[in-house]
Amino acid sequence: MAPRGRRLSSISLEILLFLNGWYSATYFLLELFVFMYKGLLLPYPTANLVLDLVMLFLYLGIEIIRLFFATKGNLCQRMMPLAISLAMTFPSAMMAFYYLLLQTYVLRLEAVMSTILLLFCGLELVLEVITLTTFSRILRPY
């Protein structure tokens, strides 16, 4: 815990996590509609469509858990939840990278949405590292 009266939580990280939560929900819903569009109008192989949808739901689960741990670690000034969130940022970014470049059909809308998602992940990664170093210096002085 922080010394009495000291707040070490990062306000900028918390704002970014809040915005990313809303953006992730919007991203998930838009991707569902895009997959319906692609499934109906494009010659999308069924196995690939199912794989992409399963990965989208997997992304949603990872992102919910990651944002929960990041928020809990930041607000409670705990290093372990923030470190878990930091570790889960990489699978989340890999999913966004998959939807940016590696899926069967990539629409321009998906490319823009995935790029924004990667920007969120990158900014959160930087702010989480800064917040973790702040917590480690203040909470565990050497």
N, C-alpha and C. Protein backbone atom coordinates (compact mmCIF):
# COMPACT_ATOMS: atom_id res chain seq x y z
N MET A 1 0.83 -1.18 0.00
CA MET A 1 0.00 0.00 0.00
C MET A 1 0.87 1.24 0.00
N ALA A 2 0.35 2.29 -0.55
CA ALA A 2 1.10 3.55 -0.61
C ALA A 2 1.13 4.19 0.76
N PRO A 3 2.13 5.01 1.01
CA PRO A 3 2.14 5.75 2.27
C PRO A 3 0.86 6.57 2.40
N ARG A 4 0.46 6.78 3.62
CA ARG A 4 -0.81 7.45 3.88
C ARG A 4 -0.87 8.82 3.18
N GLY A 5 -1.94 9.02 2.44
CA GLY A 5 -2.15 10.29 1.76
C GLY A 5 -1.54 10.36 0.36
N ARG A 6 -0.77 9.36 -0.06
CA ARG A 6 -0.16 9.38 -1.40
C ARG A 6 -0.96 8.53 -2.35
N ARG A 7 -1.29 9.09 -3.46
CA ARG A 7 -1.98 8.37 -4.52
C ARG A 7 -1.01 8.14 -5.66
N LEU A 8 -0.76 6.89 -5.96
CA LEU A 8 0.19 6.56 -7.02
C LEU A 8 -0.49 6.13 -8.30
N SER A 9 -1.82 5.99 -8.27
CA SER A 9 -2.55 5.55 -9.45
C SER A 9 -2.37 6.53 -10.59
N SER A 10 -2.31 5.99 -11.80
CA SER A 10 -2.13 6.81 -12.99
C SER A 10 -3.50 7.20 -13.55
N ILE A 11 -3.78 8.48 -13.55
CA ILE A 11 -5.05 8.96 -14.07
C ILE A 11 -5.11 8.75 -15.58
N SER A 12 -4.01 9.01 -16.26
CA SER A 12 -4.01 8.84 -17.71
C SER A 12 -4.21 7.37 -18.10
N LEU A 13 -3.64 6.45 -17.33
CA LEU A 13 -3.86 5.03 -17.60
C LEU A 13 -5.31 4.67 -17.36
N GLU A 14 -5.90 5.19 -16.30
CA GLU A 14 -7.29 4.87 -16.01
C GLU A 14 -8.24 5.41 -17.09
N ILE A 15 -7.98 6.61 -17.58
CA ILE A 15 -8.79 7.17 -18.66
C ILE A 15 -8.65 6.32 -19.92
N LEU A 16 -7.42 5.91 -20.22
CA LEU A 16 -7.18 5.08 -21.40
C LEU A 16 -7.86 3.71 -21.27
N LEU A 17 -7.84 3.14 -20.07
CA LEU A 17 -8.52 1.86 -19.86
C LEU A 17 -10.03 2.00 -20.02
N PHE A 18 -10.59 3.10 -19.52
CA PHE A 18 -12.02 3.34 -19.67
C PHE A 18 -12.39 3.47 -21.15
N LEU A 19 -11.63 4.26 -21.88
CA LEU A 19 -11.91 4.44 -23.31
C LEU A 19 -11.71 3.14 -24.08
N ASN A 20 -10.69 2.38 -23.71
CA ASN A 20 -10.45 1.11 -24.38
C ASN A 20 -11.56 0.11 -24.11
N GLY A 21 -12.14 0.16 -22.92
CA GLY A 21 -13.26 -0.73 -22.63
C GLY A 21 -14.44 -0.46 -23.55
N TRP A 22 -14.76 0.79 -23.74
CA TRP A 22 -15.84 1.14 -24.65
C TRP A 22 -15.48 0.82 -26.09
N TYR A 23 -14.24 1.10 -26.46
CA TYR A 23 -13.82 0.83 -27.83
C TYR A 23 -13.81 -0.67 -28.11
N SER A 24 -13.39 -1.47 -27.14
CA SER A 24 -13.36 -2.93 -27.34
C SER A 24 -14.75 -3.49 -27.53
N ALA A 25 -15.71 -2.97 -26.78
CA ALA A 25 -17.10 -3.43 -26.96
C ALA A 25 -17.61 -3.04 -28.34
N THR A 26 -17.31 -1.83 -28.76
CA THR A 26 -17.72 -1.38 -30.09
C THR A 26 -17.02 -2.20 -31.17
N TYR A 27 -15.75 -2.45 -30.98
CA TYR A 27 -14.98 -3.25 -31.93
C TYR A 27 -15.58 -4.65 -32.08
N PHE A 28 -15.93 -5.27 -30.95
CA PHE A 28 -16.51 -6.61 -30.98
C PHE A 28 -17.82 -6.61 -31.76
N LEU A 29 -18.70 -5.66 -31.47
CA LEU A 29 -19.99 -5.62 -32.17
C LEU A 29 -19.83 -5.33 -33.66
N LEU A 30 -18.96 -4.40 -34.00
CA LEU A 30 -18.74 -4.10 -35.41
C LEU A 30 -18.12 -5.29 -36.15
N GLU A 31 -17.22 -5.99 -35.49
CA GLU A 31 -16.63 -7.18 -36.12
C GLU A 31 -17.69 -8.27 -36.34
N LEU A 32 -18.62 -8.41 -35.41
CA LEU A 32 -19.70 -9.38 -35.62
C LEU A 32 -20.51 -9.02 -36.86
N PHE A 33 -20.85 -7.74 -37.01
CA PHE A 33 -21.61 -7.31 -38.18
C PHE A 33 -20.79 -7.46 -39.46
N VAL A 34 -19.51 -7.19 -39.39
CA VAL A 34 -18.65 -7.35 -40.56
C VAL A 34 -18.55 -8.82 -40.95
N PHE A 35 -18.48 -9.71 -39.98
CA PHE A 35 -18.45 -11.14 -40.30
C PHE A 35 -19.76 -11.61 -40.90
N MET A 36 -20.87 -11.06 -40.44
CA MET A 36 -22.16 -11.40 -41.08
C MET A 36 -22.14 -10.92 -42.53
N TYR A 37 -21.65 -9.71 -42.76
CA TYR A 37 -21.57 -9.16 -44.11
C TYR A 37 -20.67 -10.03 -44.99
N LYS A 38 -19.49 -10.37 -44.47
CA LYS A 38 -18.55 -11.17 -45.26
C LYS A 38 -19.08 -12.58 -45.49
N GLY A 39 -19.76 -13.14 -44.50
CA GLY A 39 -20.31 -14.48 -44.64
C GLY A 39 -21.43 -14.55 -45.66
N LEU A 40 -22.18 -13.47 -45.79
CA LEU A 40 -23.30 -13.45 -46.74
C LEU A 40 -22.87 -13.07 -48.15
N LEU A 41 -21.94 -12.16 -48.30
CA LEU A 41 -21.64 -11.60 -49.62
C LEU A 41 -20.32 -12.07 -50.24
N LEU A 42 -19.42 -12.60 -49.45
CA LEU A 42 -18.13 -13.03 -49.98
C LEU A 42 -18.04 -14.55 -49.95
N PRO A 43 -17.26 -15.14 -50.84
CA PRO A 43 -17.09 -16.60 -50.80
C PRO A 43 -16.15 -17.01 -49.67
N TYR A 44 -16.65 -16.87 -48.47
CA TYR A 44 -15.87 -17.10 -47.26
C TYR A 44 -15.96 -18.58 -46.89
N PRO A 45 -14.84 -19.29 -46.83
CA PRO A 45 -14.89 -20.71 -46.42
C PRO A 45 -15.46 -20.84 -45.00
N THR A 46 -16.33 -21.79 -44.81
CA THR A 46 -17.01 -21.95 -43.53
C THR A 46 -16.03 -22.19 -42.38
N ALA A 47 -15.03 -23.01 -42.62
CA ALA A 47 -14.05 -23.29 -41.55
C ALA A 47 -13.31 -22.01 -41.15
N ASN A 48 -12.97 -21.17 -42.10
CA ASN A 48 -12.28 -19.92 -41.78
C ASN A 48 -13.18 -18.95 -41.05
N LEU A 49 -14.45 -18.91 -41.45
CA LEU A 49 -15.40 -18.03 -40.78
C LEU A 49 -15.59 -18.44 -39.32
N VAL A 50 -15.71 -19.74 -39.10
CA VAL A 50 -15.87 -20.24 -37.73
C VAL A 50 -14.61 -19.94 -36.91
N LEU A 51 -13.43 -20.14 -37.50
CA LEU A 51 -12.18 -19.85 -36.80
C LEU A 51 -12.09 -18.37 -36.44
N ASP A 52 -12.43 -17.50 -37.37
CA ASP A 52 -12.38 -16.07 -37.10
C ASP A 52 -13.37 -15.66 -36.02
N LEU A 53 -14.55 -16.25 -36.02
CA LEU A 53 -15.53 -15.94 -34.98
C LEU A 53 -15.09 -16.46 -33.61
N VAL A 54 -14.53 -17.65 -33.57
CA VAL A 54 -14.03 -18.20 -32.30
C VAL A 54 -12.91 -17.32 -31.76
N MET A 55 -12.04 -16.87 -32.64
CA MET A 55 -10.95 -15.99 -32.21
C MET A 55 -11.47 -14.64 -31.73
N LEU A 56 -12.57 -14.17 -32.32
CA LEU A 56 -13.16 -12.91 -31.88
C LEU A 56 -13.70 -13.05 -30.46
N PHE A 57 -14.37 -14.16 -30.17
CA PHE A 57 -14.87 -14.37 -28.81
C PHE A 57 -13.72 -14.59 -27.83
N LEU A 58 -12.66 -15.25 -28.28
CA LEU A 58 -11.47 -15.41 -27.45
C LEU A 58 -10.84 -14.05 -27.15
N TYR A 59 -10.78 -13.19 -28.16
CA TYR A 59 -10.27 -11.83 -27.95
C TYR A 59 -11.10 -11.10 -26.92
N LEU A 60 -12.42 -11.22 -27.02
CA LEU A 60 -13.29 -10.53 -26.07
C LEU A 60 -13.01 -10.98 -24.64
N GLY A 61 -12.85 -12.28 -24.43
CA GLY A 61 -12.55 -12.79 -23.09
C GLY A 61 -11.22 -12.30 -22.57
N ILE A 62 -10.21 -12.33 -23.41
CA ILE A 62 -8.88 -11.86 -23.01
C ILE A 62 -8.93 -10.38 -22.67
N GLU A 63 -9.62 -9.61 -23.50
CA GLU A 63 -9.65 -8.16 -23.29
C GLU A 63 -10.41 -7.78 -22.03
N ILE A 64 -11.50 -8.47 -21.73
CA ILE A 64 -12.26 -8.18 -20.51
C ILE A 64 -11.39 -8.46 -19.28
N ILE A 65 -10.72 -9.61 -19.28
CA ILE A 65 -9.87 -9.97 -18.14
C ILE A 65 -8.70 -8.99 -18.02
N ARG A 66 -8.10 -8.64 -19.14
CA ARG A 66 -6.95 -7.72 -19.14
C ARG A 66 -7.34 -6.35 -18.60
N LEU A 67 -8.46 -5.82 -19.06
CA LEU A 67 -8.89 -4.50 -18.59
C LEU A 67 -9.30 -4.53 -17.12
N PHE A 68 -9.89 -5.64 -16.67
CA PHE A 68 -10.25 -5.77 -15.27
C PHE A 68 -9.01 -5.72 -14.38
N PHE A 69 -8.00 -6.53 -14.73
CA PHE A 69 -6.79 -6.57 -13.92
C PHE A 69 -6.03 -5.24 -13.96
N ALA A 70 -6.03 -4.59 -15.12
CA ALA A 70 -5.34 -3.30 -15.22
C ALA A 70 -6.03 -2.25 -14.35
N THR A 71 -7.34 -2.21 -14.40
CA THR A 71 -8.08 -1.25 -13.59
C THR A 71 -7.90 -1.54 -12.10
N LYS A 72 -8.01 -2.82 -11.73
CA LYS A 72 -7.85 -3.19 -10.32
C LYS A 72 -6.44 -2.88 -9.83
N GLY A 73 -5.44 -3.21 -10.63
CA GLY A 73 -4.07 -2.95 -10.22
C GLY A 73 -3.76 -1.46 -10.11
N ASN A 74 -4.31 -0.68 -11.03
CA ASN A 74 -4.05 0.76 -11.00
C ASN A 74 -4.76 1.43 -9.84
N LEU A 75 -6.03 1.13 -9.65
CA LEU A 75 -6.80 1.82 -8.61
C LEU A 75 -6.43 1.35 -7.20
N CYS A 76 -6.11 0.06 -7.05
CA CYS A 76 -5.73 -0.45 -5.73
C CYS A 76 -4.23 -0.32 -5.47
N GLN A 77 -3.51 0.17 -6.44
CA GLN A 77 -2.07 0.37 -6.33
C GLN A 77 -1.36 -0.96 -6.02
N ARG A 78 -1.73 -1.98 -6.76
CA ARG A 78 -1.14 -3.31 -6.59
C ARG A 78 -0.33 -3.67 -7.83
N MET A 79 0.81 -4.25 -7.62
CA MET A 79 1.70 -4.57 -8.73
C MET A 79 1.29 -5.85 -9.46
N MET A 80 0.80 -6.85 -8.73
CA MET A 80 0.52 -8.14 -9.35
C MET A 80 -0.61 -8.06 -10.39
N PRO A 81 -1.77 -7.47 -10.09
CA PRO A 81 -2.80 -7.38 -11.14
C PRO A 81 -2.34 -6.57 -12.35
N LEU A 82 -1.56 -5.53 -12.10
CA LEU A 82 -1.05 -4.72 -13.20
C LEU A 82 -0.05 -5.52 -14.04
N ALA A 83 0.75 -6.35 -13.40
CA ALA A 83 1.70 -7.19 -14.13
C ALA A 83 0.96 -8.26 -14.94
N ILE A 84 -0.12 -8.81 -14.39
CA ILE A 84 -0.93 -9.79 -15.15
C ILE A 84 -1.52 -9.12 -16.38
N SER A 85 -2.03 -7.92 -16.20
CA SER A 85 -2.58 -7.18 -17.34
C SER A 85 -1.51 -6.88 -18.37
N LEU A 86 -0.33 -6.55 -17.91
CA LEU A 86 0.79 -6.28 -18.81
C LEU A 86 1.12 -7.52 -19.63
N ALA A 87 1.12 -8.68 -18.99
CA ALA A 87 1.40 -9.93 -19.69
C ALA A 87 0.29 -10.28 -20.68
N MET A 88 -0.94 -9.93 -20.36
CA MET A 88 -2.06 -10.24 -21.25
C MET A 88 -2.20 -9.22 -22.38
N THR A 89 -1.42 -8.17 -22.36
CA THR A 89 -1.46 -7.20 -23.45
C THR A 89 -0.92 -7.81 -24.74
N PHE A 90 0.06 -8.69 -24.63
CA PHE A 90 0.66 -9.29 -25.82
C PHE A 90 -0.32 -10.20 -26.57
N PRO A 91 -1.07 -11.11 -25.91
CA PRO A 91 -2.07 -11.88 -26.67
C PRO A 91 -3.16 -10.99 -27.27
N SER A 92 -3.54 -9.96 -26.55
CA SER A 92 -4.54 -9.04 -27.07
C SER A 92 -4.03 -8.33 -28.33
N ALA A 93 -2.79 -7.89 -28.29
CA ALA A 93 -2.20 -7.23 -29.46
C ALA A 93 -2.03 -8.21 -30.62
N MET A 94 -1.72 -9.46 -30.32
CA MET A 94 -1.58 -10.47 -31.38
C MET A 94 -2.93 -10.72 -32.06
N MET A 95 -4.00 -10.71 -31.28
CA MET A 95 -5.34 -10.87 -31.88
C MET A 95 -5.66 -9.68 -32.79
N ALA A 96 -5.35 -8.48 -32.34
CA ALA A 96 -5.59 -7.30 -33.17
C ALA A 96 -4.74 -7.36 -34.43
N PHE A 97 -3.50 -7.83 -34.30
CA PHE A 97 -2.63 -7.98 -35.46
C PHE A 97 -3.19 -9.01 -36.42
N TYR A 98 -3.75 -10.10 -35.90
CA TYR A 98 -4.38 -11.12 -36.74
C TYR A 98 -5.52 -10.51 -37.54
N TYR A 99 -6.36 -9.74 -36.88
CA TYR A 99 -7.49 -9.14 -37.59
C TYR A 99 -7.05 -8.02 -38.52
N LEU A 100 -5.87 -7.48 -38.32
CA LEU A 100 -5.35 -6.45 -39.21
C LEU A 100 -4.78 -7.05 -40.49
N LEU A 101 -4.05 -8.16 -40.38
CA LEU A 101 -3.32 -8.67 -41.54
C LEU A 101 -3.59 -10.12 -41.94
N LEU A 102 -3.95 -10.98 -41.01
CA LEU A 102 -3.88 -12.41 -41.29
C LEU A 102 -5.21 -13.12 -41.54
N GLN A 103 -6.33 -12.48 -41.34
CA GLN A 103 -7.58 -13.18 -41.57
C GLN A 103 -7.84 -13.34 -43.07
N THR A 104 -8.86 -14.10 -43.44
CA THR A 104 -9.10 -14.44 -44.84
C THR A 104 -9.36 -13.21 -45.70
N TYR A 105 -10.34 -12.41 -45.31
CA TYR A 105 -10.64 -11.16 -46.01
C TYR A 105 -10.53 -10.02 -45.00
N VAL A 106 -9.75 -9.01 -45.34
CA VAL A 106 -9.62 -7.85 -44.46
C VAL A 106 -10.22 -6.65 -45.18
N LEU A 107 -11.29 -6.13 -44.62
CA LEU A 107 -11.90 -4.93 -45.18
C LEU A 107 -11.17 -3.70 -44.64
N ARG A 108 -11.31 -2.59 -45.34
CA ARG A 108 -10.64 -1.36 -44.92
C ARG A 108 -11.12 -0.93 -43.53
N LEU A 109 -12.41 -1.11 -43.26
CA LEU A 109 -12.96 -0.78 -41.94
C LEU A 109 -12.26 -1.57 -40.84
N GLU A 110 -12.04 -2.85 -41.10
CA GLU A 110 -11.36 -3.69 -40.12
C GLU A 110 -9.91 -3.27 -39.93
N ALA A 111 -9.26 -2.87 -41.01
CA ALA A 111 -7.87 -2.42 -40.90
C ALA A 111 -7.77 -1.17 -40.03
N VAL A 112 -8.68 -0.24 -40.22
CA VAL A 112 -8.67 0.98 -39.42
C VAL A 112 -8.99 0.66 -37.95
N MET A 113 -10.02 -0.17 -37.72
CA MET A 113 -10.40 -0.51 -36.35
C MET A 113 -9.27 -1.26 -35.63
N SER A 114 -8.62 -2.17 -36.32
CA SER A 114 -7.54 -2.94 -35.69
C SER A 114 -6.31 -2.07 -35.43
N THR A 115 -6.06 -1.12 -36.30
CA THR A 115 -4.94 -0.20 -36.07
C THR A 115 -5.19 0.64 -34.83
N ILE A 116 -6.41 1.13 -34.66
CA ILE A 116 -6.76 1.89 -33.46
C ILE A 116 -6.61 1.01 -32.22
N LEU A 117 -7.03 -0.24 -32.34
CA LEU A 117 -6.89 -1.18 -31.22
C LEU A 117 -5.42 -1.41 -30.86
N LEU A 118 -4.56 -1.52 -31.86
CA LEU A 118 -3.13 -1.67 -31.59
C LEU A 118 -2.54 -0.42 -30.95
N LEU A 119 -3.03 0.74 -31.33
CA LEU A 119 -2.58 1.98 -30.69
C LEU A 119 -2.97 2.00 -29.21
N PHE A 120 -4.20 1.58 -28.91
CA PHE A 120 -4.62 1.48 -27.51
C PHE A 120 -3.69 0.53 -26.75
N CYS A 121 -3.42 -0.64 -27.33
CA CYS A 121 -2.54 -1.61 -26.66
C CYS A 121 -1.15 -1.04 -26.42
N GLY A 122 -0.61 -0.35 -27.41
CA GLY A 122 0.73 0.22 -27.27
C GLY A 122 0.78 1.30 -26.20
N LEU A 123 -0.20 2.19 -26.21
CA LEU A 123 -0.23 3.25 -25.20
C LEU A 123 -0.42 2.68 -23.80
N GLU A 124 -1.30 1.69 -23.68
CA GLU A 124 -1.51 1.07 -22.37
C GLU A 124 -0.27 0.34 -21.91
N LEU A 125 0.45 -0.29 -22.83
CA LEU A 125 1.69 -0.98 -22.47
C LEU A 125 2.69 0.00 -21.87
N VAL A 126 2.85 1.14 -22.52
CA VAL A 126 3.80 2.15 -22.03
C VAL A 126 3.36 2.68 -20.66
N LEU A 127 2.09 3.02 -20.53
CA LEU A 127 1.60 3.58 -19.26
C LEU A 127 1.61 2.55 -18.13
N GLU A 128 1.36 1.27 -18.46
CA GLU A 128 1.42 0.24 -17.43
C GLU A 128 2.85 0.04 -16.94
N VAL A 129 3.82 0.08 -17.84
CA VAL A 129 5.22 -0.05 -17.43
C VAL A 129 5.62 1.13 -16.55
N ILE A 130 5.22 2.33 -16.92
CA ILE A 130 5.54 3.52 -16.11
C ILE A 130 4.89 3.42 -14.74
N THR A 131 3.63 2.99 -14.70
CA THR A 131 2.93 2.85 -13.43
C THR A 131 3.55 1.76 -12.57
N LEU A 132 3.94 0.66 -13.18
CA LEU A 132 4.60 -0.42 -12.43
C LEU A 132 5.93 0.04 -11.84
N THR A 133 6.70 0.79 -12.60
CA THR A 133 7.97 1.28 -12.06
C THR A 133 7.73 2.28 -10.93
N THR A 134 6.69 3.08 -11.05
CA THR A 134 6.35 4.00 -9.95
C THR A 134 5.96 3.23 -8.71
N PHE A 135 5.12 2.21 -8.87
CA PHE A 135 4.72 1.40 -7.72
C PHE A 135 5.92 0.71 -7.09
N SER A 136 6.81 0.19 -7.92
CA SER A 136 7.95 -0.56 -7.36
C SER A 136 8.93 0.36 -6.63
N ARG A 137 9.08 1.59 -7.10
CA ARG A 137 10.00 2.51 -6.43
C ARG A 137 9.45 3.01 -5.11
N ILE A 138 8.16 3.30 -5.07
CA ILE A 138 7.55 3.89 -3.87
C ILE A 138 7.16 2.81 -2.88
N LEU A 139 6.57 1.72 -3.37
CA LEU A 139 6.04 0.70 -2.46
C LEU A 139 7.13 -0.21 -1.92
N ARG A 140 8.20 -0.40 -2.67
CA ARG A 140 9.28 -1.29 -2.24
C ARG A 140 10.61 -0.56 -2.35
N PRO A 141 10.89 0.38 -1.46
CA PRO A 141 12.16 1.11 -1.54
C PRO A 141 13.32 0.19 -1.18
N TYR A 142 14.44 0.42 -1.85
CA TYR A 142 15.62 -0.42 -1.61
C TYR A 142 16.63 0.29 -0.77
